[in-house]
Amino acid sequence: KFSAFGRIGLNYAQARDSFTGTINVPNPNPSKRDTNYKAGLGLQYDFTDSLGMRLEAERYRITDAVGSKGDIDLVSLGLVYRPPTR
């Protein structure tokens, strides 16, 4: 009834910033598109053949609009429904 899984992949994202104030910057509205990695782990428990619960943790690597690297972490809990097979 318990299962574990992992995932790796790529994500393509756009980041935009906006700078205002009294200091002049070369580009007050920078924008950047980039492809970075994502990775995750999860556990699933099946209550029945059709219904289960899944807990996942994922990390997305991003590049912001001024070129700095960072991470976005996502943790989710959800239900999985699979229609019965005939």
PDB file of N, CA and C in Angstrom:
ATOM      1  N   LYS A   1       0.809  -1.204   0.000  1.00  0.00           N
ATOM      2  CA  LYS A   1       0.000   0.000   0.000  1.00  0.00           C
ATOM      3  C   LYS A   1       0.851   1.266   0.000  1.00  0.00           C
ATOM      4  N   PHE A   2       2.077   1.181   0.507  1.00  0.00           N
ATOM      5  CA  PHE A   2       2.984   2.328   0.461  1.00  0.00           C
ATOM      6  C   PHE A   2       3.863   2.236  -0.770  1.00  0.00           C
ATOM      7  N   SER A   3       4.176   3.376  -1.354  1.00  0.00           N
ATOM      8  CA  SER A   3       5.141   3.422  -2.450  1.00  0.00           C
ATOM      9  C   SER A   3       5.929   4.722  -2.346  1.00  0.00           C
ATOM     10  N   ALA A   4       7.117   4.708  -2.897  1.00  0.00           N
ATOM     11  CA  ALA A   4       7.976   5.893  -2.918  1.00  0.00           C
ATOM     12  C   ALA A   4       8.344   6.182  -4.364  1.00  0.00           C
ATOM     13  N   PHE A   5       8.602   7.447  -4.654  1.00  0.00           N
ATOM     14  CA  PHE A   5       8.981   7.810  -6.015  1.00  0.00           C
ATOM     15  C   PHE A   5       9.904   9.015  -5.984  1.00  0.00           C
ATOM     16  N   GLY A   6      10.587   9.205  -7.078  1.00  0.00           N
ATOM     17  CA  GLY A   6      11.455  10.361  -7.259  1.00  0.00           C
ATOM     18  C   GLY A   6      11.242  10.916  -8.646  1.00  0.00           C
ATOM     19  N   ARG A   7      11.589  12.159  -8.819  1.00  0.00           N
ATOM     20  CA  ARG A   7      11.489  12.753 -10.146  1.00  0.00           C
ATOM     21  C   ARG A   7      12.624  13.755 -10.342  1.00  0.00           C
ATOM     22  N   ILE A   8      13.107  13.797 -11.557  1.00  0.00           N
ATOM     23  CA  ILE A   8      14.070  14.811 -11.962  1.00  0.00           C
ATOM     24  C   ILE A   8      13.625  15.329 -13.316  1.00  0.00           C
ATOM     25  N   GLY A   9      13.944  16.559 -13.597  1.00  0.00           N
ATOM     26  CA  GLY A   9      13.536  17.115 -14.875  1.00  0.00           C
ATOM     27  C   GLY A   9      14.032  18.529 -15.044  1.00  0.00           C
ATOM     28  N   LEU A  10      13.447  19.197 -16.014  1.00  0.00           N
ATOM     29  CA  LEU A  10      13.803  20.571 -16.335  1.00  0.00           C
ATOM     30  C   LEU A  10      12.574  21.452 -16.237  1.00  0.00           C
ATOM     31  N   ASN A  11      12.794  22.720 -15.901  1.00  0.00           N
ATOM     32  CA  ASN A  11      11.712  23.698 -15.966  1.00  0.00           C
ATOM     33  C   ASN A  11      12.209  24.922 -16.716  1.00  0.00           C
ATOM     34  N   TYR A  12      11.307  25.543 -17.413  1.00  0.00           N
ATOM     35  CA  TYR A  12      11.608  26.748 -18.176  1.00  0.00           C
ATOM     36  C   TYR A  12      10.777  27.857 -17.558  1.00  0.00           C
ATOM     37  N   ALA A  13      11.417  28.929 -17.111  1.00  0.00           N
ATOM     38  CA  ALA A  13      10.699  29.979 -16.399  1.00  0.00           C
ATOM     39  C   ALA A  13      11.198  31.359 -16.819  1.00  0.00           C
ATOM     40  N   GLN A  14      10.359  32.345 -16.581  1.00  0.00           N
ATOM     41  CA  GLN A  14      10.712  33.742 -16.802  1.00  0.00           C
ATOM     42  C   GLN A  14      10.639  34.458 -15.469  1.00  0.00           C
ATOM     43  N   ALA A  15      11.665  35.259 -15.170  1.00  0.00           N
ATOM     44  CA  ALA A  15      11.691  36.079 -13.962  1.00  0.00           C
ATOM     45  C   ALA A  15      11.741  37.548 -14.384  1.00  0.00           C
ATOM     46  N   ARG A  16      10.959  38.371 -13.682  1.00  0.00           N
ATOM     47  CA  ARG A  16      10.956  39.812 -13.948  1.00  0.00           C
ATOM     48  C   ARG A  16      11.097  40.556 -12.632  1.00  0.00           C
ATOM     49  N   ASP A  17      11.864  41.624 -12.631  1.00  0.00           N
ATOM     50  CA  ASP A  17      12.037  42.486 -11.462  1.00  0.00           C
ATOM     51  C   ASP A  17      11.702  43.915 -11.848  1.00  0.00           C
ATOM     52  N   SER A  18      11.471  44.735 -10.824  1.00  0.00           N
ATOM     53  CA  SER A  18      11.231  46.164 -11.043  1.00  0.00           C
ATOM     54  C   SER A  18      11.897  46.923  -9.908  1.00  0.00           C
ATOM     55  N   PHE A  19      12.789  47.847 -10.258  1.00  0.00           N
ATOM     56  CA  PHE A  19      13.512  48.630  -9.272  1.00  0.00           C
ATOM     57  C   PHE A  19      13.075  50.090  -9.373  1.00  0.00           C
ATOM     58  N   THR A  20      12.722  50.680  -8.239  1.00  0.00           N
ATOM     59  CA  THR A  20      12.366  52.096  -8.187  1.00  0.00           C
ATOM     60  C   THR A  20      13.092  52.733  -7.011  1.00  0.00           C
ATOM     61  N   GLY A  21      13.276  54.012  -7.082  1.00  0.00           N
ATOM     62  CA  GLY A  21      13.926  54.726  -5.989  1.00  0.00           C
ATOM     63  C   GLY A  21      14.797  55.839  -6.520  1.00  0.00           C
ATOM     64  N   THR A  22      15.652  56.335  -5.648  1.00  0.00           N
ATOM     65  CA  THR A  22      16.485  57.482  -5.993  1.00  0.00           C
ATOM     66  C   THR A  22      17.812  57.091  -6.620  1.00  0.00           C
ATOM     67  N   ILE A  23      18.176  55.821  -6.579  1.00  0.00           N
ATOM     68  CA  ILE A  23      19.436  55.367  -7.166  1.00  0.00           C
ATOM     69  C   ILE A  23      19.165  54.892  -8.586  1.00  0.00           C
ATOM     70  N   ASN A  24      19.961  55.370  -9.535  1.00  0.00           N
ATOM     71  CA  ASN A  24      19.814  54.941 -10.929  1.00  0.00           C
ATOM     72  C   ASN A  24      20.454  53.574 -11.133  1.00  0.00           C
ATOM     73  N   VAL A  25      19.752  52.696 -11.814  1.00  0.00           N
ATOM     74  CA  VAL A  25      20.288  51.390 -12.184  1.00  0.00           C
ATOM     75  C   VAL A  25      20.245  51.293 -13.702  1.00  0.00           C
ATOM     76  N   PRO A  26      21.164  50.537 -14.310  1.00  0.00           N
ATOM     77  CA  PRO A  26      21.216  50.472 -15.775  1.00  0.00           C
ATOM     78  C   PRO A  26      19.921  49.965 -16.402  1.00  0.00           C
ATOM     79  N   ASN A  27      19.277  48.988 -15.789  1.00  0.00           N
ATOM     80  CA  ASN A  27      18.039  48.439 -16.329  1.00  0.00           C
ATOM     81  C   ASN A  27      17.038  48.301 -15.171  1.00  0.00           C
ATOM     82  N   PRO A  28      16.105  49.240 -15.011  1.00  0.00           N
ATOM     83  CA  PRO A  28      15.185  49.187 -13.865  1.00  0.00           C
ATOM     84  C   PRO A  28      14.116  48.088 -13.968  1.00  0.00           C
ATOM     85  N   ASN A  29      13.945  47.474 -15.126  1.00  0.00           N
ATOM     86  CA  ASN A  29      12.945  46.416 -15.307  1.00  0.00           C
ATOM     87  C   ASN A  29      13.558  45.205 -16.016  1.00  0.00           C
ATOM     88  N   PRO A  30      14.523  44.525 -15.373  1.00  0.00           N
ATOM     89  CA  PRO A  30      15.160  43.388 -16.040  1.00  0.00           C
ATOM     90  C   PRO A  30      14.221  42.184 -16.138  1.00  0.00           C
ATOM     91  N   SER A  31      14.458  41.359 -17.145  1.00  0.00           N
ATOM     92  CA  SER A  31      13.691  40.144 -17.366  1.00  0.00           C
ATOM     93  C   SER A  31      14.649  39.074 -17.883  1.00  0.00           C
ATOM     94  N   LYS A  32      14.436  37.827 -17.427  1.00  0.00           N
ATOM     95  CA  LYS A  32      15.317  36.733 -17.860  1.00  0.00           C
ATOM     96  C   LYS A  32      14.513  35.461 -17.994  1.00  0.00           C
ATOM     97  N   ARG A  33      14.763  34.732 -19.078  1.00  0.00           N
ATOM     98  CA  ARG A  33      14.191  33.397 -19.289  1.00  0.00           C
ATOM     99  C   ARG A  33      15.335  32.403 -19.219  1.00  0.00           C
ATOM    100  N   ASP A  34      15.071  31.259 -18.567  1.00  0.00           N
ATOM    101  CA  ASP A  34      16.139  30.281 -18.420  1.00  0.00           C
ATOM    102  C   ASP A  34      15.542  28.890 -18.175  1.00  0.00           C
ATOM    103  N   THR A  35      16.327  27.878 -18.514  1.00  0.00           N
ATOM    104  CA  THR A  35      15.962  26.494 -18.234  1.00  0.00           C
ATOM    105  C   THR A  35      16.859  25.993 -17.116  1.00  0.00           C
ATOM    106  N   ASN A  36      16.251  25.439 -16.068  1.00  0.00           N
ATOM    107  CA  ASN A  36      16.977  24.930 -14.907  1.00  0.00           C
ATOM    108  C   ASN A  36      16.411  23.575 -14.515  1.00  0.00           C
ATOM    109  N   TYR A  37      17.059  22.939 -13.534  1.00  0.00           N
ATOM    110  CA  TYR A  37      16.626  21.613 -13.120  1.00  0.00           C
ATOM    111  C   TYR A  37      15.542  21.676 -12.047  1.00  0.00           C
ATOM    112  N   LYS A  38      14.842  20.574 -11.890  1.00  0.00           N
ATOM    113  CA  LYS A  38      13.941  20.362 -10.769  1.00  0.00           C
ATOM    114  C   LYS A  38      14.123  18.933 -10.299  1.00  0.00           C
ATOM    115  N   ALA A  39      13.910  18.694  -9.025  1.00  0.00           N
ATOM    116  CA  ALA A  39      14.043  17.356  -8.464  1.00  0.00           C
ATOM    117  C   ALA A  39      13.029  17.204  -7.333  1.00  0.00           C
ATOM    118  N   GLY A  40      12.597  15.986  -7.099  1.00  0.00           N
ATOM    119  CA  GLY A  40      11.620  15.777  -6.043  1.00  0.00           C
ATOM    120  C   GLY A  40      11.582  14.343  -5.556  1.00  0.00           C
ATOM    121  N   LEU A  41      10.976  14.183  -4.383  1.00  0.00           N
ATOM    122  CA  LEU A  41      10.767  12.891  -3.750  1.00  0.00           C
ATOM    123  C   LEU A  41       9.349  12.846  -3.222  1.00  0.00           C
ATOM    124  N   GLY A  42       8.803  11.654  -3.103  1.00  0.00           N
ATOM    125  CA  GLY A  42       7.457  11.557  -2.567  1.00  0.00           C
ATOM    126  C   GLY A  42       7.133  10.180  -2.025  1.00  0.00           C
ATOM    127  N   LEU A  43       6.064  10.153  -1.242  1.00  0.00           N
ATOM    128  CA  LEU A  43       5.511   8.917  -0.714  1.00  0.00           C
ATOM    129  C   LEU A  43       4.036   8.875  -1.065  1.00  0.00           C
ATOM    130  N   GLN A  44       3.537   7.678  -1.318  1.00  0.00           N
ATOM    131  CA  GLN A  44       2.113   7.518  -1.601  1.00  0.00           C
ATOM    132  C   GLN A  44       1.579   6.348  -0.798  1.00  0.00           C
ATOM    133  N   TYR A  45       0.365   6.518  -0.266  1.00  0.00           N
ATOM    134  CA  TYR A  45      -0.336   5.436   0.422  1.00  0.00           C
ATOM    135  C   TYR A  45      -1.660   5.240  -0.283  1.00  0.00           C
ATOM    136  N   ASP A  46      -1.946   4.002  -0.708  1.00  0.00           N
ATOM    137  CA  ASP A  46      -3.192   3.690  -1.397  1.00  0.00           C
ATOM    138  C   ASP A  46      -4.203   3.138  -0.402  1.00  0.00           C
ATOM    139  N   PHE A  47      -5.314   3.855  -0.231  1.00  0.00           N
ATOM    140  CA  PHE A  47      -6.397   3.382   0.624  1.00  0.00           C
ATOM    141  C   PHE A  47      -7.130   2.224  -0.049  1.00  0.00           C
ATOM    142  N   THR A  48      -7.369   2.380  -1.345  1.00  0.00           N
ATOM    143  CA  THR A  48      -8.021   1.352  -2.161  1.00  0.00           C
ATOM    144  C   THR A  48      -7.286   1.313  -3.502  1.00  0.00           C
ATOM    145  N   ASP A  49      -7.748   0.469  -4.421  1.00  0.00           N
ATOM    146  CA  ASP A  49      -7.163   0.446  -5.763  1.00  0.00           C
ATOM    147  C   ASP A  49      -7.408   1.748  -6.508  1.00  0.00           C
ATOM    148  N   SER A  50      -8.453   2.492  -6.114  1.00  0.00           N
ATOM    149  CA  SER A  50      -8.823   3.718  -6.823  1.00  0.00           C
ATOM    150  C   SER A  50      -8.419   5.003  -6.117  1.00  0.00           C
ATOM    151  N   LEU A  51      -8.120   4.956  -4.820  1.00  0.00           N
ATOM    152  CA  LEU A  51      -7.892   6.189  -4.062  1.00  0.00           C
ATOM    153  C   LEU A  51      -6.636   6.091  -3.217  1.00  0.00           C
ATOM    154  N   GLY A  52      -5.807   7.111  -3.333  1.00  0.00           N
ATOM    155  CA  GLY A  52      -4.579   7.172  -2.549  1.00  0.00           C
ATOM    156  C   GLY A  52      -4.282   8.581  -2.102  1.00  0.00           C
ATOM    157  N   MET A  53      -3.295   8.711  -1.212  1.00  0.00           N
ATOM    158  CA  MET A  53      -2.832  10.019  -0.740  1.00  0.00           C
ATOM    159  C   MET A  53      -1.343  10.116  -1.046  1.00  0.00           C
ATOM    160  N   ARG A  54      -0.923  11.287  -1.503  1.00  0.00           N
ATOM    161  CA  ARG A  54       0.461  11.484  -1.922  1.00  0.00           C
ATOM    162  C   ARG A  54       1.058  12.709  -1.231  1.00  0.00           C
ATOM    163  N   LEU A  55       2.259  12.554  -0.676  1.00  0.00           N
ATOM    164  CA  LEU A  55       3.029  13.649  -0.096  1.00  0.00           C
ATOM    165  C   LEU A  55       4.276  13.818  -0.950  1.00  0.00           C
ATOM    166  N   GLU A  56       4.497  15.048  -1.447  1.00  0.00           N
ATOM    167  CA  GLU A  56       5.640  15.313  -2.332  1.00  0.00           C
ATOM    168  C   GLU A  56       6.438  16.516  -1.855  1.00  0.00           C
ATOM    169  N   ALA A  57       7.732  16.478  -2.089  1.00  0.00           N
ATOM    170  CA  ALA A  57       8.614  17.625  -1.867  1.00  0.00           C
ATOM    171  C   ALA A  57       9.425  17.802  -3.149  1.00  0.00           C
ATOM    172  N   GLU A  58       9.408  19.026  -3.689  1.00  0.00           N
ATOM    173  CA  GLU A  58      10.140  19.321  -4.921  1.00  0.00           C
ATOM    174  C   GLU A  58      10.994  20.572  -4.737  1.00  0.00           C
ATOM    175  N   ARG A  59      12.108  20.597  -5.437  1.00  0.00           N
ATOM    176  CA  ARG A  59      12.971  21.778  -5.455  1.00  0.00           C
ATOM    177  C   ARG A  59      13.176  22.193  -6.905  1.00  0.00           C
ATOM    178  N   TYR A  60      12.892  23.464  -7.169  1.00  0.00           N
ATOM    179  CA  TYR A  60      13.077  24.058  -8.491  1.00  0.00           C
ATOM    180  C   TYR A  60      14.228  25.045  -8.398  1.00  0.00           C
ATOM    181  N   ARG A  61      15.211  24.891  -9.265  1.00  0.00           N
ATOM    182  CA  ARG A  61      16.316  25.850  -9.351  1.00  0.00           C
ATOM    183  C   ARG A  61      15.874  26.962 -10.288  1.00  0.00           C
ATOM    184  N   ILE A  62      16.093  28.228  -9.903  1.00  0.00           N
ATOM    185  CA  ILE A  62      15.697  29.351 -10.750  1.00  0.00           C
ATOM    186  C   ILE A  62      16.861  30.322 -10.908  1.00  0.00           C
ATOM    187  N   THR A  63      16.792  31.118 -11.952  1.00  0.00           N
ATOM    188  CA  THR A  63      17.702  32.235 -12.168  1.00  0.00           C
ATOM    189  C   THR A  63      16.846  33.485 -12.185  1.00  0.00           C
ATOM    190  N   ASP A  64      17.130  34.441 -11.274  1.00  0.00           N
ATOM    191  CA  ASP A  64      16.289  35.636 -11.247  1.00  0.00           C
ATOM    192  C   ASP A  64      16.676  36.594 -12.369  1.00  0.00           C
ATOM    193  N   ALA A  65      15.960  37.698 -12.456  1.00  0.00           N
ATOM    194  CA  ALA A  65      16.112  38.607 -13.587  1.00  0.00           C
ATOM    195  C   ALA A  65      17.466  39.304 -13.639  1.00  0.00           C
ATOM    196  N   VAL A  66      18.200  39.327 -12.527  1.00  0.00           N
ATOM    197  CA  VAL A  66      19.528  39.949 -12.540  1.00  0.00           C
ATOM    198  C   VAL A  66      20.641  38.907 -12.540  1.00  0.00           C
ATOM    199  N   GLY A  67      20.287  37.624 -12.734  1.00  0.00           N
ATOM    200  CA  GLY A  67      21.285  36.582 -12.921  1.00  0.00           C
ATOM    201  C   GLY A  67      21.663  35.782 -11.695  1.00  0.00           C
ATOM    202  N   SER A  68      21.062  36.043 -10.536  1.00  0.00           N
ATOM    203  CA  SER A  68      21.366  35.274  -9.328  1.00  0.00           C
ATOM    204  C   SER A  68      20.618  33.944  -9.349  1.00  0.00           C
ATOM    205  N   LYS A  69      21.258  32.898  -8.828  1.00  0.00           N
ATOM    206  CA  LYS A  69      20.628  31.577  -8.730  1.00  0.00           C
ATOM    207  C   LYS A  69      19.926  31.445  -7.386  1.00  0.00           C
ATOM    208  N   GLY A  70      18.821  30.709  -7.376  1.00  0.00           N
ATOM    209  CA  GLY A  70      18.081  30.467  -6.142  1.00  0.00           C
ATOM    210  C   GLY A  70      17.248  29.211  -6.271  1.00  0.00           C
ATOM    211  N   ASP A  71      16.595  28.832  -5.183  1.00  0.00           N
ATOM    212  CA  ASP A  71      15.757  27.641  -5.159  1.00  0.00           C
ATOM    213  C   ASP A  71      14.351  27.996  -4.710  1.00  0.00           C
ATOM    214  N   ILE A  72      13.382  27.292  -5.266  1.00  0.00           N
ATOM    215  CA  ILE A  72      12.002  27.358  -4.802  1.00  0.00           C
ATOM    216  C   ILE A  72      11.656  25.958  -4.329  1.00  0.00           C
ATOM    217  N   ASP A  73      11.221  25.843  -3.073  1.00  0.00           N
ATOM    218  CA  ASP A  73      10.843  24.549  -2.513  1.00  0.00           C
ATOM    219  C   ASP A  73       9.327  24.460  -2.440  1.00  0.00           C
ATOM    220  N   LEU A  74       8.793  23.304  -2.816  1.00  0.00           N
ATOM    221  CA  LEU A  74       7.354  23.069  -2.830  1.00  0.00           C
ATOM    222  C   LEU A  74       7.077  21.763  -2.104  1.00  0.00           C
ATOM    223  N   VAL A  75       6.178  21.817  -1.126  1.00  0.00           N
ATOM    224  CA  VAL A  75       5.711  20.621  -0.431  1.00  0.00           C
ATOM    225  C   VAL A  75       4.214  20.552  -0.634  1.00  0.00           C
ATOM    226  N   SER A  76       3.715  19.395  -1.056  1.00  0.00           N
ATOM    227  CA  SER A  76       2.277  19.271  -1.309  1.00  0.00           C
ATOM    228  C   SER A  76       1.749  17.945  -0.783  1.00  0.00           C
ATOM    229  N   LEU A  77       0.472  17.968  -0.421  1.00  0.00           N
ATOM    230  CA  LEU A  77      -0.254  16.795   0.024  1.00  0.00           C
ATOM    231  C   LEU A  77      -1.520  16.738  -0.812  1.00  0.00           C
ATOM    232  N   GLY A  78      -1.768  15.609  -1.459  1.00  0.00           N
ATOM    233  CA  GLY A  78      -2.927  15.536  -2.328  1.00  0.00           C
ATOM    234  C   GLY A  78      -3.520  14.147  -2.400  1.00  0.00           C
ATOM    235  N   LEU A  79      -4.693  14.078  -3.002  1.00  0.00           N
ATOM    236  CA  LEU A  79      -5.369  12.808  -3.243  1.00  0.00           C
ATOM    237  C   LEU A  79      -5.143  12.382  -4.683  1.00  0.00           C
ATOM    238  N   VAL A  80      -5.026  11.082  -4.888  1.00  0.00           N
ATOM    239  CA  VAL A  80      -4.846  10.509  -6.222  1.00  0.00           C
ATOM    240  C   VAL A  80      -6.064   9.625  -6.482  1.00  0.00           C
ATOM    241  N   TYR A  81      -6.752   9.894  -7.594  1.00  0.00           N
ATOM    242  CA  TYR A  81      -7.903   9.078  -7.959  1.00  0.00           C
ATOM    243  C   TYR A  81      -7.627   8.386  -9.280  1.00  0.00           C
ATOM    244  N   ARG A  82      -7.805   7.090  -9.300  1.00  0.00           N
ATOM    245  CA  ARG A  82      -7.671   6.297 -10.523  1.00  0.00           C
ATOM    246  C   ARG A  82      -8.999   5.620 -10.779  1.00  0.00           C
ATOM    247  N   PRO A  83      -9.630   5.895 -11.920  1.00  0.00           N
ATOM    248  CA  PRO A  83     -10.914   5.246 -12.224  1.00  0.00           C
ATOM    249  C   PRO A  83     -10.757   3.724 -12.229  1.00  0.00           C
ATOM    250  N   PRO A  84     -11.750   3.027 -11.743  1.00  0.00           N
ATOM    251  CA  PRO A  84     -11.678   1.556 -11.753  1.00  0.00           C
ATOM    252  C   PRO A  84     -11.555   1.015 -13.168  1.00  0.00           C
ATOM    253  N   THR A  85     -10.765  -0.032 -13.322  1.00  0.00           N
ATOM    254  CA  THR A  85     -10.642  -0.674 -14.640  1.00  0.00           C
ATOM    255  C   THR A  85     -11.684  -1.767 -14.751  1.00  0.00           C
ATOM    256  N   ARG A  86     -12.116  -2.030 -15.964  1.00  0.00           N
ATOM    257  CA  ARG A  86     -13.162  -3.054 -16.172  1.00  0.00           C
ATOM    258  C   ARG A  86     -12.567  -4.335 -16.655  1.00  0.00           C
TER     259      ARG A  86
END
